[in-house]
Amino acid sequence: MTSTTSAPPAQQPKSRPGDRIFAGSAKGAGILILVILAGVALFLISESVPALTASADEISGDGGLASYIGPLVFGTLLSAVIALLVATPLAVAIALFITFYAPRKLAAGLGYVVDLLAAIPSIVYGFWGIFWLAPRLVPFYRWLEENLGFLPFFAGPVSSTGRTMLTIGLVLAVMILPIVSAISREVFSQVPTLHTEAALALGATRWEMIKIAVIPYGKSGVIGGSMLGLGRALGETMAVAIILSGSAAGITWALISSANPQTIAANIALQFPESTGLAVNTLIASGLALFVITLLVNMLARWVVNRRADFSGAN
């Protein structure tokens, strides 16, 4: 008769003081971020109550708070979407060139140059946009009006200074390009070597390898980087305030005329120094709208990324 003995239970690894300290500090940092976020939300809500409860004739403009914030929300979203549409393809192309096409020495230097664009202050971008870019875009805007003026986006009259919503979109595109490019470059460099080598071994060209192995694997990372860039574009202040100072034309789809909607952040920066009383609460209410928009954009990005979290280029 043979007796069976059960194996002794596996011993849990001994927790070290350093591990406990790191885990506690990481947990505390996460809780602190949530507390700060909740504090910002409570401040914005409490300070917005007077504007939310005020009558329509007490709010600047006609139609109350909704008519005041509506054009600002429209201008904020319009400028950010233009920036995203322009910057994302360029950033992905730059990331692919640096990762798969450029020689190693050139790739390192080009990567540093692209990353340095993120270190330039936004006010410098504003001066560059108003003094260099805007005047040089006027002939292009005239061409757009002559050839594509039947579209509401390119309806005239063309701004003689070039300080338009399309100029803002291009400036913001340059500002968010290093963010999207850096994240895309990092994601593309993490593509499993087996995937790329298998595609090449089957006879795929380099572009075909990128199309069937790299882009599907890194799509979620590109989306996440684009949403980070969109968040930067939504909250940009100084560059927009400098280029569109004094412009508040309500809701309009014209991108090349002198009548342009203002953005929330730029409007707050321009109006806050001279505002008192209910006008301050109105500006804070617009800031609350920007807070909600940014939160929704980040939640949408997280949802899209999580949907593709389990996807690999081999599936």
Protein backbone atom coordinates (compact mmCIF):
# COMPACT_ATOMS: atom_id res chain seq x y z
CA MET A 1 0.00 0.00 0.00
CA THR A 2 1.47 3.26 -1.06
CA SER A 3 0.79 6.53 0.65
CA THR A 4 0.53 9.80 -1.23
CA THR A 5 1.70 13.03 0.27
CA SER A 6 0.45 16.38 -0.98
CA ALA A 7 3.02 18.86 -2.15
CA PRO A 8 3.72 21.67 0.28
CA PRO A 9 1.98 24.92 -0.66
CA ALA A 10 4.07 27.33 -2.66
CA GLN A 11 5.56 30.02 -0.51
CA GLN A 12 4.66 33.56 -1.31
CA PRO A 13 7.64 35.72 -2.19
CA LYS A 14 8.79 37.74 0.75
CA SER A 15 7.81 41.37 0.47
CA ARG A 16 10.76 43.70 0.73
CA PRO A 17 10.59 47.17 2.28
CA GLY A 18 11.54 48.77 -1.02
CA ASP A 19 8.68 47.00 -2.80
CA ARG A 20 6.18 48.12 -0.18
CA ILE A 21 7.43 51.70 -0.31
CA PHE A 22 7.24 51.78 -4.11
CA ALA A 23 3.76 50.22 -4.18
CA GLY A 24 2.50 52.66 -1.56
CA SER A 25 3.99 55.70 -3.28
CA ALA A 26 2.55 54.63 -6.65
CA LYS A 27 -0.87 54.10 -5.11
CA GLY A 28 -0.66 57.43 -3.32
CA ALA A 29 0.30 59.21 -6.55
CA GLY A 30 -2.72 57.71 -8.31
CA ILE A 31 -5.05 58.76 -5.50
CA LEU A 32 -3.51 62.25 -5.47
CA ILE A 33 -4.20 62.67 -9.18
CA LEU A 34 -7.84 61.71 -8.66
CA VAL A 35 -8.16 64.11 -5.72
CA ILE A 36 -6.67 66.98 -7.75
CA LEU A 37 -8.96 66.20 -10.69
CA ALA A 38 -11.99 66.13 -8.41
CA GLY A 39 -10.89 69.39 -6.80
CA VAL A 40 -10.58 71.11 -10.18
CA ALA A 41 -14.02 69.84 -11.20
CA LEU A 42 -15.62 71.01 -7.93
CA PHE A 43 -14.00 74.44 -8.27
CA LEU A 44 -15.22 74.88 -11.85
CA ILE A 45 -18.74 73.74 -10.98
CA SER A 46 -19.04 75.92 -7.88
CA GLU A 47 -17.72 79.02 -9.63
CA SER A 48 -19.93 78.39 -12.66
CA VAL A 49 -23.17 78.24 -10.67
CA PRO A 50 -23.80 82.04 -10.75
CA ALA A 51 -23.45 82.04 -14.56
CA LEU A 52 -25.56 78.90 -14.93
CA THR A 53 -28.38 80.39 -12.86
CA ALA A 54 -28.19 83.95 -14.22
CA SER A 55 -30.82 85.25 -16.59
CA ALA A 56 -30.06 85.61 -20.29
CA ASP A 57 -29.89 89.43 -20.22
CA GLU A 58 -27.14 89.33 -17.55
CA ILE A 59 -24.76 87.32 -19.75
CA SER A 60 -22.57 89.05 -22.30
CA GLY A 61 -24.11 88.86 -25.76
CA ASP A 62 -27.60 87.86 -26.78
CA GLY A 63 -29.28 84.60 -25.86
CA GLY A 64 -27.73 83.74 -22.52
CA LEU A 65 -24.94 81.42 -21.52
CA ALA A 66 -25.54 78.82 -24.22
CA SER A 67 -25.24 81.38 -27.02
CA TYR A 68 -22.06 82.73 -25.40
CA ILE A 69 -20.30 79.38 -24.96
CA GLY A 70 -21.66 77.69 -28.12
CA PRO A 71 -19.51 79.60 -30.66
CA LEU A 72 -16.46 79.17 -28.41
CA VAL A 73 -16.98 75.41 -28.27
CA PHE A 74 -17.42 75.36 -32.04
CA GLY A 75 -14.20 77.32 -32.61
CA THR A 76 -12.29 75.12 -30.18
CA LEU A 77 -13.40 71.90 -31.86
CA LEU A 78 -12.93 73.27 -35.38
CA SER A 79 -9.34 74.40 -34.83
CA ALA A 80 -8.43 71.17 -33.02
CA VAL A 81 -9.94 68.95 -35.73
CA ILE A 82 -8.08 70.85 -38.47
CA ALA A 83 -4.84 70.43 -36.54
CA LEU A 84 -5.49 66.72 -36.03
CA LEU A 85 -6.33 66.09 -39.69
CA VAL A 86 -3.14 67.81 -40.83
CA ALA A 87 -0.74 66.58 -38.14
CA THR A 88 -1.67 62.89 -37.83
CA PRO A 89 -0.75 61.75 -41.38
CA LEU A 90 2.47 63.79 -41.29
CA ALA A 91 3.41 62.49 -37.85
CA VAL A 92 2.78 58.86 -38.82
CA ALA A 93 4.77 59.30 -42.04
CA ILE A 94 7.68 60.86 -40.11
CA ALA A 95 7.57 58.04 -37.56
CA LEU A 96 7.60 55.38 -40.28
CA PHE A 97 10.48 57.07 -42.10
CA ILE A 98 12.58 57.38 -38.94
CA THR A 99 11.84 53.81 -37.84
CA PHE A 100 12.08 51.84 -41.10
CA TYR A 101 13.63 53.94 -43.87
CA ALA A 102 16.18 56.43 -42.56
CA PRO A 103 19.78 55.37 -41.89
CA ARG A 104 20.52 54.92 -38.18
CA LYS A 105 22.57 58.11 -37.78
CA LEU A 106 20.07 60.22 -39.70
CA ALA A 107 17.16 58.66 -37.82
CA ALA A 108 18.63 59.57 -34.42
CA GLY A 109 19.28 63.19 -35.42
CA LEU A 110 15.92 63.60 -37.13
CA GLY A 111 14.15 62.16 -34.09
CA TYR A 112 15.84 64.72 -31.83
CA VAL A 113 14.88 67.57 -34.16
CA VAL A 114 11.24 66.51 -34.27
CA ASP A 115 11.12 66.12 -30.49
CA LEU A 116 12.62 69.59 -30.04
CA LEU A 117 9.51 71.09 -31.67
CA ALA A 118 7.66 70.26 -28.45
CA ALA A 119 10.09 72.41 -26.45
CA ILE A 120 9.28 75.62 -28.34
CA PRO A 121 6.98 77.89 -26.26
CA SER A 122 3.50 78.40 -27.63
CA ILE A 123 3.95 82.18 -27.71
CA VAL A 124 6.84 81.68 -30.17
CA TYR A 125 4.52 79.64 -32.37
CA GLY A 126 2.04 82.50 -32.15
CA PHE A 127 4.59 85.08 -33.32
CA TRP A 128 5.74 82.72 -36.08
CA GLY A 129 2.16 82.25 -37.21
CA ILE A 130 1.21 85.92 -37.24
CA PHE A 131 4.39 87.41 -38.72
CA TRP A 132 5.70 84.67 -41.05
CA LEU A 133 3.11 82.02 -41.85
CA ALA A 134 -0.07 84.09 -42.14
CA PRO A 135 1.16 86.61 -44.77
CA ARG A 136 2.61 83.81 -46.92
CA LEU A 137 -0.69 81.92 -46.89
CA VAL A 138 -2.74 84.81 -48.33
CA PRO A 139 -1.97 83.95 -52.01
CA PHE A 140 -2.90 80.33 -51.31
CA TYR A 141 -6.15 81.44 -49.70
CA ARG A 142 -6.99 83.55 -52.75
CA TRP A 143 -6.39 80.50 -54.95
CA LEU A 144 -8.71 78.46 -52.74
CA GLU A 145 -11.43 81.12 -53.02
CA GLU A 146 -11.11 81.28 -56.81
CA ASN A 147 -11.12 77.52 -57.38
CA LEU A 148 -12.98 76.07 -54.38
CA GLY A 149 -15.06 79.03 -53.28
CA PHE A 150 -18.28 77.10 -53.86
CA LEU A 151 -17.45 75.13 -50.70
CA PRO A 152 -18.46 76.82 -47.42
CA PHE A 153 -14.97 76.18 -46.00
CA PHE A 154 -13.28 78.34 -48.63
CA ALA A 155 -15.91 81.02 -49.15
CA GLY A 156 -14.60 84.58 -49.21
CA PRO A 157 -13.84 87.30 -48.76
CA VAL A 158 -10.25 86.25 -48.07
CA SER A 159 -8.53 87.81 -45.08
CA SER A 160 -5.90 90.29 -46.19
CA THR A 161 -3.73 89.46 -43.17
CA GLY A 162 -3.98 85.66 -43.30
CA ARG A 163 -5.05 85.51 -39.64
CA THR A 164 -7.73 82.89 -40.17
CA MET A 165 -9.01 79.68 -38.63
CA LEU A 166 -7.09 77.64 -41.20
CA THR A 167 -3.88 79.38 -40.18
CA ILE A 168 -4.63 78.51 -36.57
CA GLY A 169 -5.21 74.89 -37.54
CA LEU A 170 -1.85 74.73 -39.33
CA VAL A 171 0.00 76.30 -36.41
CA LEU A 172 -1.63 73.88 -33.98
CA ALA A 173 -0.74 71.00 -36.32
CA VAL A 174 2.93 71.91 -36.05
CA MET A 175 2.59 72.15 -32.26
CA ILE A 176 1.05 68.68 -31.81
CA LEU A 177 3.11 66.96 -34.50
CA PRO A 178 6.04 66.04 -32.17
CA ILE A 179 3.64 64.48 -29.64
CA VAL A 180 1.92 62.25 -32.19
CA SER A 181 5.19 61.45 -33.95
CA ALA A 182 7.06 60.49 -30.77
CA ILE A 183 4.33 58.13 -29.59
CA SER A 184 3.88 56.62 -33.06
CA ARG A 185 7.63 56.12 -33.38
CA GLU A 186 7.77 54.36 -30.02
CA VAL A 187 4.84 52.10 -30.93
CA PHE A 188 6.29 51.18 -34.33
CA SER A 189 9.63 50.29 -32.75
CA GLN A 190 7.81 47.80 -30.48
CA VAL A 191 6.39 45.76 -33.38
CA PRO A 192 7.56 42.13 -32.88
CA THR A 193 10.52 41.36 -35.11
CA LEU A 194 8.97 38.02 -36.03
CA HIS A 195 6.04 39.83 -37.65
CA THR A 196 8.20 42.05 -39.84
CA GLU A 197 10.66 39.30 -40.73
CA ALA A 198 7.84 36.90 -41.60
CA ALA A 199 6.29 39.45 -43.96
CA LEU A 200 9.63 40.10 -45.66
CA ALA A 201 10.36 36.38 -45.87
CA LEU A 202 7.08 35.85 -47.72
CA GLY A 203 8.20 38.29 -50.38
CA ALA A 204 6.56 41.50 -49.18
CA THR A 205 8.20 44.78 -50.02
CA ARG A 206 9.08 47.16 -47.21
CA TRP A 207 5.88 49.15 -47.72
CA GLU A 208 3.79 45.97 -47.87
CA MET A 209 5.44 44.82 -44.64
CA ILE A 210 4.51 48.13 -43.00
CA LYS A 211 0.95 47.90 -44.31
CA ILE A 212 0.24 44.31 -43.17
CA ALA A 213 2.39 44.04 -40.03
CA VAL A 214 3.35 47.43 -38.60
CA ILE A 215 0.28 49.63 -39.03
CA PRO A 216 -2.26 47.06 -37.73
CA TYR A 217 -0.07 46.39 -34.68
CA GLY A 218 0.48 50.07 -33.89
CA LYS A 219 -2.96 51.43 -34.76
CA SER A 220 -4.12 51.71 -31.16
CA GLY A 221 -0.92 53.53 -30.19
CA VAL A 222 -1.33 55.98 -33.06
CA ILE A 223 -4.91 56.64 -31.96
CA GLY A 224 -3.77 57.23 -28.39
CA GLY A 225 -1.04 59.63 -29.53
CA SER A 226 -3.51 61.46 -31.76
CA MET A 227 -5.88 61.93 -28.84
CA LEU A 228 -3.04 63.33 -26.71
CA GLY A 229 -2.27 65.75 -29.51
CA LEU A 230 -5.95 66.64 -29.76
CA GLY A 231 -5.97 67.42 -26.04
CA ARG A 232 -3.03 69.78 -26.55
CA ALA A 233 -4.80 71.49 -29.44
CA LEU A 234 -8.05 71.86 -27.48
CA GLY A 235 -6.33 73.65 -24.61
CA GLU A 236 -3.87 75.80 -26.55
CA THR A 237 -4.10 79.44 -25.51
CA MET A 238 -1.35 81.87 -26.43
CA ALA A 239 -0.81 80.97 -30.09
CA VAL A 240 -4.55 81.20 -30.79
CA ALA A 241 -4.94 84.39 -28.75
CA ILE A 242 -2.12 86.12 -30.64
CA ILE A 243 -3.27 85.17 -34.13
CA LEU A 244 -7.03 85.57 -33.61
CA SER A 245 -6.98 88.46 -31.14
CA GLY A 246 -10.13 90.55 -31.48
CA SER A 247 -11.90 87.96 -33.64
CA ALA A 248 -15.28 86.67 -32.47
CA ALA A 249 -17.61 85.98 -35.39
CA GLY A 250 -19.83 83.31 -33.88
CA ILE A 251 -20.38 80.03 -35.68
CA THR A 252 -19.04 80.05 -39.23
CA TRP A 253 -17.53 77.36 -41.46
CA ALA A 254 -15.41 79.82 -43.44
CA LEU A 255 -11.76 79.01 -42.83
CA ILE A 256 -10.03 81.71 -44.87
CA SER A 257 -12.01 84.86 -44.08
CA SER A 258 -11.32 87.47 -41.44
CA ALA A 259 -14.48 86.48 -39.51
CA ASN A 260 -13.45 83.60 -37.29
CA PRO A 261 -14.86 82.00 -34.15
CA GLN A 262 -12.72 82.27 -31.04
CA THR A 263 -11.63 79.31 -28.91
CA ILE A 264 -12.47 78.82 -25.23
CA ALA A 265 -8.92 78.99 -23.90
CA ALA A 266 -7.95 82.01 -25.98
CA ASN A 267 -11.15 83.84 -25.07
CA ILE A 268 -10.48 83.30 -21.36
CA ALA A 269 -6.93 84.59 -21.73
CA LEU A 270 -8.07 87.69 -23.61
CA GLN A 271 -11.14 88.56 -21.50
CA PHE A 272 -10.17 87.55 -17.97
CA PRO A 273 -7.89 90.52 -17.09
CA GLU A 274 -10.72 93.02 -17.64
CA SER A 275 -13.60 90.90 -16.31
CA THR A 276 -15.30 91.29 -12.95
CA GLY A 277 -18.29 89.81 -11.16
CA LEU A 278 -20.58 87.68 -13.27
CA ALA A 279 -18.29 87.99 -16.29
CA VAL A 280 -15.63 86.00 -14.40
CA ASN A 281 -18.18 83.29 -13.59
CA THR A 282 -19.16 83.18 -17.25
CA LEU A 283 -15.54 82.64 -18.28
CA ILE A 284 -15.17 79.90 -15.67
CA ALA A 285 -18.34 78.28 -17.02
CA SER A 286 -16.72 78.20 -20.45
CA GLY A 287 -13.66 76.65 -18.80
CA LEU A 288 -15.95 73.98 -17.36
CA ALA A 289 -17.18 73.24 -20.87
CA LEU A 290 -13.57 72.84 -22.03
CA PHE A 291 -12.89 70.56 -19.05
CA VAL A 292 -15.82 68.33 -20.00
CA ILE A 293 -14.79 68.24 -23.67
CA THR A 294 -11.23 67.24 -22.79
CA LEU A 295 -12.47 64.59 -20.38
CA LEU A 296 -14.79 63.12 -23.02
CA VAL A 297 -11.99 63.08 -25.60
CA ASN A 298 -9.68 61.22 -23.22
CA MET A 299 -12.42 58.74 -22.30
CA LEU A 300 -13.11 58.11 -25.99
CA ALA A 301 -9.40 57.56 -26.64
CA ARG A 302 -9.15 55.13 -23.73
CA TRP A 303 -12.17 53.21 -25.02
CA VAL A 304 -10.71 52.95 -28.53
CA VAL A 305 -7.31 51.85 -27.24
CA ASN A 306 -8.83 49.25 -24.89
CA ARG A 307 -10.88 47.79 -27.72
CA ARG A 308 -7.67 47.01 -29.59
CA ALA A 309 -5.54 46.12 -26.56
CA ASP A 310 -5.64 42.39 -27.31
CA PHE A 311 -5.04 42.79 -31.02
CA SER A 312 -1.69 41.94 -32.59
CA GLY A 313 -0.66 42.04 -36.19
CA ALA A 314 -0.63 38.25 -36.28
CA ASN A 315 -4.34 37.86 -35.47
